[in-house]
Amino acid sequence: MDTGSLTVHNLKPGALLFHNRSMLVRTDVGHGVVVTLYDRVKEMGAICHFAFPDMSNDETPTGLYAKPAIYYLVRLMKRAGSDLANIEATISGGASLSSVYRTHQNLAVTNIKVAEDLLSKLMINIKERDVGGSDGRRVQFNTGNGELSVEDNNGLGFQDWFPGFENVVIEDFPAKGIN
C-alpha cells in the first residue's frame, strides 16, 4: 500500500479511529481483532483494534472489548451521516499465537466469532476476512478509500509484540481460577 502524502497513524490495541478524510492507519494484531468500517457512499472509514471478546459486569466499557469498540465505531459513522446499508466491514487478526498465549488459544477464536456476530446483528456486510492461523498480522487501512492491506507478521518476534520485555520469560499460568 502506497502511503504517498497520507498522514500515518499507528493504532494501539484498545484504540479506535474514525476519519472523514484519507488517513493511513496501521496496527499489528495477534489474538485480538481489527475491524474496519467503510462507507462507500460518503467515502469515510473507521477502525478499531480490540483484544478481548467480553468484559465482566463491573468493568468500564473500553475499546479493549469487542462490543463497545464495534458499537462505538458504528455510532461515529452514523453521527457523520452514514447509512448502515452503505457500510461494509473487514475483520483481521484472531491468531492463536500459541508460543505466547498457550493457555488462551480459544481467546482468538472467540474474538473472531464475537466480531462476526456483532456485525451480523447490525446487518453490516463483512466484505473481507483475514483471520485465524498462528501468525500475527500487520494491518493497514486507508480511511478515505477503504483500501486494506493485511500482511503476515511471521517475522516479528516476542520483543516486537511486547517491547521492553525482551528478557521476560513467559510461563503458562495455571488455567484454574483465571478467566
Foldseek 3Di string as FASTA:
>chain_A
DDCPPAAEAEDDEQDKDWDLAWHKYKYKAAQWKKKKKAQQVSQFIMIATEQFADDDPPDDDTSNYQPVVVVVRVVVCVVVPGDLVRMAMEMEYLEQLCVAAVPPSVRSVSNVVSNVVVCVVVVHHHPYYHYYYHFMWMWMAIRRHGDIDIDTPVVDDPCVVPPPCPPPDHDDDPPPPPD
